[in-house]
Amino acid sequence: MRDTYVNIDTKKEFVINMPGVDLVDAVIPTSSHVPFDVNEFELANLKERPSKKVKAPGIEGCYAWMEFQLHSMHEETYDGFPYLLILGKVVHLEVDDDIYNPEDGSWDLEKAKPLMMTESNQGMHFCTGNDIGKFEPYGACLKMVKTSYHGV
């Protein structure tokens, strides 16, 4: 079992850190399978950041942090592989002031340079995202189509 799973299961809380591309080399070791007594923060030379609402620390240097209380965990096996879905309730979200626009709630992706990863058969490919300049209000996704369920 991984440290992350054990910590979430026992402490019932967790933090999702959102690193930028500048932390790519530091976050890779945190995904390694290491003995429980190995501190991943020390292994990766990362600094802990105190959280606001949970005891679990965040990672200093990220552009955003989401703190969660555990809601539930669901374990399954599919085609012989174990899967785990962890659901949590966000109790605190914090975004670096340089990234967050208080006027409209948007994030500056050019400054954040969010670290992303895709996988292939050979390994992990790291990348970032870009703002493509397209905006739609939430209502554009939620347009209701008037239908009748009574045959009328």
Protein backbone atom coordinates (compact mmCIF):
# COMPACT_ATOMS: atom_id res chain seq x y z
CA MET A 1 0.00 0.00 0.00
CA ARG A 2 1.19 3.53 -0.76
CA ASP A 3 1.77 6.15 1.95
CA THR A 4 -0.86 8.40 0.38
CA TYR A 5 -3.57 5.75 0.65
CA VAL A 6 -2.66 4.86 4.23
CA ASN A 7 -2.53 8.52 5.29
CA ILE A 8 -5.91 9.34 3.73
CA ASP A 9 -7.50 6.18 5.15
CA THR A 10 -6.26 6.83 8.70
CA LYS A 11 -6.41 10.64 8.88
CA LYS A 12 -9.56 11.13 6.77
CA GLU A 13 -8.14 14.24 5.08
CA PHE A 14 -5.73 15.16 2.30
CA VAL A 15 -4.32 17.97 0.18
CA ILE A 16 -4.07 18.13 -3.60
CA ASN A 17 -1.16 20.35 -4.59
CA MET A 18 -1.06 22.01 -8.00
CA PRO A 19 2.58 22.41 -9.03
CA GLY A 20 3.88 24.37 -11.98
CA VAL A 21 6.43 23.08 -14.46
CA ASP A 22 9.25 24.50 -12.33
CA LEU A 23 8.62 21.68 -9.81
CA VAL A 24 8.67 18.79 -12.33
CA ASP A 25 11.96 17.30 -11.14
CA ALA A 26 10.96 17.66 -7.48
CA VAL A 27 7.53 16.00 -7.71
CA ILE A 28 8.65 12.92 -9.63
CA PRO A 29 10.33 11.31 -6.57
CA THR A 30 7.14 11.82 -4.53
CA SER A 31 5.44 9.22 -6.74
CA SER A 32 8.10 6.60 -6.12
CA HIS A 33 7.35 3.43 -4.19
CA VAL A 34 9.49 3.95 -1.10
CA PRO A 35 9.38 2.42 2.39
CA PHE A 36 6.87 3.99 4.82
CA ASP A 37 9.65 5.44 6.96
CA VAL A 38 11.03 7.50 4.02
CA ASN A 39 9.82 11.10 4.09
CA GLU A 40 8.89 12.05 0.50
CA PHE A 41 9.28 15.76 1.27
CA GLU A 42 12.91 15.16 2.28
CA LEU A 43 13.50 12.73 -0.59
CA ALA A 44 12.35 15.33 -3.13
CA ASN A 45 13.85 18.31 -1.26
CA LEU A 46 10.40 19.92 -0.96
CA LYS A 47 9.21 22.17 1.84
CA GLU A 48 5.96 21.56 3.70
CA ARG A 49 3.36 24.32 3.61
CA PRO A 50 0.94 24.49 6.55
CA SER A 51 -2.68 23.95 5.54
CA LYS A 52 -5.54 26.17 6.71
CA LYS A 53 -8.29 23.63 7.49
CA VAL A 54 -6.62 20.20 7.62
CA LYS A 55 -3.52 18.85 9.36
CA ALA A 56 -1.99 17.35 6.20
CA PRO A 57 0.61 19.75 4.76
CA GLY A 58 0.75 21.13 1.26
CA ILE A 59 3.85 21.65 -0.88
CA GLU A 60 5.51 25.06 -0.80
CA GLY A 61 6.02 26.53 -4.27
CA CYS A 62 2.81 25.24 -5.86
CA TYR A 63 0.41 27.75 -7.41
CA ALA A 64 -2.72 26.30 -5.74
CA TRP A 65 -3.75 23.92 -2.96
CA MET A 66 -7.05 22.12 -2.35
CA GLU A 67 -7.68 20.79 1.16
CA PHE A 68 -10.15 17.92 1.57
CA GLN A 69 -12.05 15.99 4.21
CA LEU A 70 -12.47 12.38 3.10
CA HIS A 71 -15.98 11.49 1.95
CA SER A 72 -15.45 7.91 0.81
CA MET A 73 -13.08 5.45 -0.85
CA HIS A 74 -14.16 2.84 -3.39
CA GLU A 75 -11.89 -0.08 -4.28
CA GLU A 76 -12.45 -2.34 -7.28
CA THR A 77 -10.55 -4.75 -9.45
CA TYR A 78 -10.98 -4.59 -13.22
CA ASP A 79 -9.23 -7.00 -15.58
CA GLY A 80 -7.04 -8.09 -12.69
CA PHE A 81 -5.88 -4.56 -11.82
CA PRO A 82 -6.83 -2.84 -8.54
CA TYR A 83 -8.40 0.61 -8.73
CA LEU A 84 -9.16 3.11 -5.99
CA LEU A 85 -11.48 6.10 -6.24
CA ILE A 86 -11.12 8.65 -3.45
CA LEU A 87 -13.90 11.21 -3.00
CA GLY A 88 -13.41 14.23 -0.78
CA LYS A 89 -15.18 17.42 0.18
CA VAL A 90 -13.16 20.57 -0.52
CA VAL A 91 -12.87 22.48 2.76
CA HIS A 92 -10.36 25.08 1.57
CA LEU A 93 -9.05 26.20 -1.83
CA GLU A 94 -6.18 28.63 -2.08
CA VAL A 95 -4.60 30.07 -5.20
CA ASP A 96 -1.38 32.10 -5.28
CA ASP A 97 -2.16 35.84 -5.53
CA ASP A 98 0.01 36.15 -8.66
CA ILE A 99 -2.15 33.56 -10.43
CA TYR A 100 -5.67 34.45 -9.24
CA ASN A 101 -7.70 37.29 -10.77
CA PRO A 102 -10.09 38.53 -8.04
CA GLU A 103 -12.19 40.47 -10.55
CA ASP A 104 -13.56 37.41 -12.33
CA GLY A 105 -12.12 34.40 -10.46
CA SER A 106 -9.97 33.31 -13.39
CA TRP A 107 -6.43 31.93 -13.17
CA ASP A 108 -3.49 33.13 -15.25
CA LEU A 109 -2.29 29.92 -16.89
CA GLU A 110 0.70 31.63 -18.47
CA LYS A 111 2.01 32.48 -14.99
CA ALA A 112 0.92 29.21 -13.35
CA LYS A 113 2.33 26.93 -16.04
CA PRO A 114 0.38 23.98 -14.62
CA LEU A 115 2.34 20.73 -14.61
CA MET A 116 0.48 18.01 -16.46
CA MET A 117 1.37 14.43 -17.31
CA THR A 118 0.20 12.02 -19.95
CA GLU A 119 1.22 8.39 -20.15
CA SER A 120 2.38 6.11 -22.90
CA ASN A 121 3.47 2.49 -23.05
CA GLN A 122 7.03 3.64 -22.33
CA GLY A 123 6.48 6.11 -19.48
CA MET A 124 5.33 9.56 -18.46
CA HIS A 125 5.31 12.65 -20.68
CA PHE A 126 5.22 16.01 -18.90
CA CYS A 127 3.62 19.10 -20.38
CA THR A 128 1.63 22.20 -19.51
CA GLY A 129 -1.63 23.79 -20.65
CA ASN A 130 -2.35 27.04 -22.43
CA ASP A 131 -5.30 29.38 -22.42
CA ILE A 132 -6.78 29.24 -25.93
CA GLY A 133 -8.82 32.41 -25.45
CA LYS A 134 -12.23 30.73 -25.64
CA PHE A 135 -14.83 31.61 -22.97
CA GLU A 136 -18.43 30.54 -22.46
CA PRO A 137 -20.62 31.19 -19.41
CA TYR A 138 -21.70 28.11 -17.47
CA GLY A 139 -25.19 28.46 -18.89
CA ALA A 140 -23.88 27.53 -22.35
CA CYS A 141 -23.29 24.00 -21.06
CA LEU A 142 -26.60 23.77 -19.26
CA LYS A 143 -29.13 24.84 -21.89
CA MET A 144 -32.35 22.98 -21.21
CA VAL A 145 -34.28 21.34 -24.03
CA LYS A 146 -38.01 21.38 -23.37
CA THR A 147 -39.33 17.84 -23.64
CA SER A 148 -42.47 16.08 -22.51
CA TYR A 149 -42.33 12.81 -20.64
CA HIS A 150 -46.09 12.28 -20.82
CA GLY A 151 -46.42 11.74 -24.54
CA VAL A 152 -47.82 15.25 -25.07
